[in-house]
Amino acid sequence: MSYHTVMMKPHDNVAIALSNIPEGTELNVSCQDQTLKVQLLEAIEFGHKFAVKPIEAGGDILKYGEVIGAATRAIQAGEHVHVHNLEGKRGRGDQHVAI
């Protein structure tokens, strides 16, 4: 079976599942001129994020070319990225970065 995902920018480190995808599924996630091979370490539900590259603890989580949060622990490629391992930065004055 073929599963679809979306990754908008080549420097993103997460992609989005466009359907429910079972654990163990091997995916080719494409974005512009790159394709990343990812094996899911757990089932990913429609609309949820999964890591396409390892993310170190405290590292930025990049989705659609934007920083959406920081990893609260190391995250492996293929792992579900959600509130259990992501801390949001948006709207937090203590996390504001001057541009």
Protein backbone atom coordinates (compact mmCIF):
# COMPACT_ATOMS: atom_id res chain seq x y z
CA MET A 1 0.00 0.00 0.00
CA SER A 2 1.17 3.51 -0.77
CA TYR A 3 1.04 6.21 1.91
CA HIS A 4 1.24 9.95 1.36
CA THR A 5 3.08 12.49 3.47
CA VAL A 6 3.93 16.17 3.18
CA MET A 7 7.22 17.90 3.93
CA MET A 8 7.30 21.51 2.71
CA LYS A 9 10.92 22.66 3.09
CA PRO A 10 14.13 20.65 2.62
CA HIS A 11 15.48 21.71 6.02
CA ASP A 12 12.35 20.53 7.88
CA ASN A 13 13.00 17.64 10.26
CA VAL A 14 9.38 16.44 10.46
CA ALA A 15 6.78 15.43 7.90
CA ILE A 16 3.01 15.06 8.20
CA ALA A 17 1.03 11.86 7.61
CA LEU A 18 -1.85 12.36 5.16
CA SER A 19 -3.48 9.11 6.31
CA ASN A 20 -3.06 6.67 9.18
CA ILE A 21 0.26 4.88 8.65
CA PRO A 22 1.13 1.65 10.49
CA GLU A 23 4.24 1.08 12.60
CA GLY A 24 7.13 -0.39 10.64
CA THR A 25 6.10 1.18 7.33
CA GLU A 26 9.04 2.24 5.17
CA LEU A 27 8.44 5.60 3.52
CA ASN A 28 10.21 7.70 0.93
CA VAL A 29 9.53 11.29 2.00
CA SER A 30 10.26 13.72 -0.83
CA CYS A 31 10.71 17.47 -0.72
CA GLN A 32 12.04 19.44 -3.66
CA ASP A 33 15.29 17.72 -4.72
CA GLN A 34 15.71 15.39 -1.74
CA THR A 35 14.15 12.08 -0.75
CA LEU A 36 14.55 10.68 2.75
CA LYS A 37 13.99 7.00 3.58
CA VAL A 38 12.21 6.66 6.92
CA GLN A 39 10.94 3.58 8.74
CA LEU A 40 8.19 4.43 11.21
CA LEU A 41 8.97 3.32 14.75
CA GLU A 42 5.31 3.62 15.74
CA ALA A 43 1.94 4.09 14.07
CA ILE A 44 1.30 7.68 12.93
CA GLU A 45 -2.26 8.99 12.71
CA PHE A 46 -3.59 11.26 9.97
CA GLY A 47 -2.36 14.83 10.44
CA HIS A 48 0.34 13.92 12.95
CA LYS A 49 4.05 14.64 12.66
CA PHE A 50 6.94 12.19 12.55
CA ALA A 51 10.67 12.83 12.50
CA VAL A 52 12.41 12.36 9.15
CA LYS A 53 15.84 13.05 10.66
CA PRO A 54 17.20 12.55 14.18
CA ILE A 55 16.54 15.56 16.43
CA GLU A 56 18.75 16.12 19.46
CA ALA A 57 17.34 16.98 22.87
CA GLY A 58 16.67 20.72 22.93
CA GLY A 59 16.91 20.91 19.13
CA ASP A 60 14.46 22.92 17.07
CA ILE A 61 11.57 21.10 15.44
CA LEU A 62 11.05 22.48 11.93
CA LYS A 63 7.71 22.13 10.15
CA TYR A 64 6.73 24.01 6.97
CA GLY A 65 10.03 25.89 7.21
CA GLU A 66 9.22 27.29 10.67
CA VAL A 67 10.41 26.44 14.17
CA ILE A 68 7.35 25.06 15.96
CA GLY A 69 9.03 23.92 19.15
CA ALA A 70 11.96 22.19 20.78
CA ALA A 71 12.56 18.50 21.42
CA THR A 72 12.23 17.69 25.12
CA ARG A 73 14.44 14.63 24.51
CA ALA A 74 16.31 13.04 21.62
CA ILE A 75 13.92 11.96 18.86
CA GLN A 76 14.81 9.26 16.35
CA ALA A 77 13.90 9.35 12.67
CA GLY A 78 10.56 7.57 12.29
CA GLU A 79 9.31 8.54 15.74
CA HIS A 80 5.99 10.29 16.41
CA VAL A 81 6.54 13.99 17.26
CA HIS A 82 3.84 15.37 19.53
CA VAL A 83 3.27 16.80 23.02
CA HIS A 84 5.13 13.90 24.68
CA ASN A 85 8.46 14.95 23.13
CA LEU A 86 7.90 18.52 21.89
CA GLU A 87 7.63 21.77 23.82
CA GLY A 88 6.06 24.63 21.89
CA LYS A 89 7.88 27.94 21.55
CA ARG A 90 5.16 29.99 19.88
CA GLY A 91 3.60 32.64 22.06
CA ARG A 92 6.17 32.22 24.83
CA GLY A 93 7.91 35.44 25.78
CA ASP A 94 10.79 33.54 27.36
CA GLN A 95 11.47 31.80 24.02
CA HIS A 96 11.28 34.91 21.83
CA VAL A 97 14.08 35.28 19.30
CA ALA A 98 14.69 38.74 17.84
CA ILE A 99 14.76 38.80 14.04
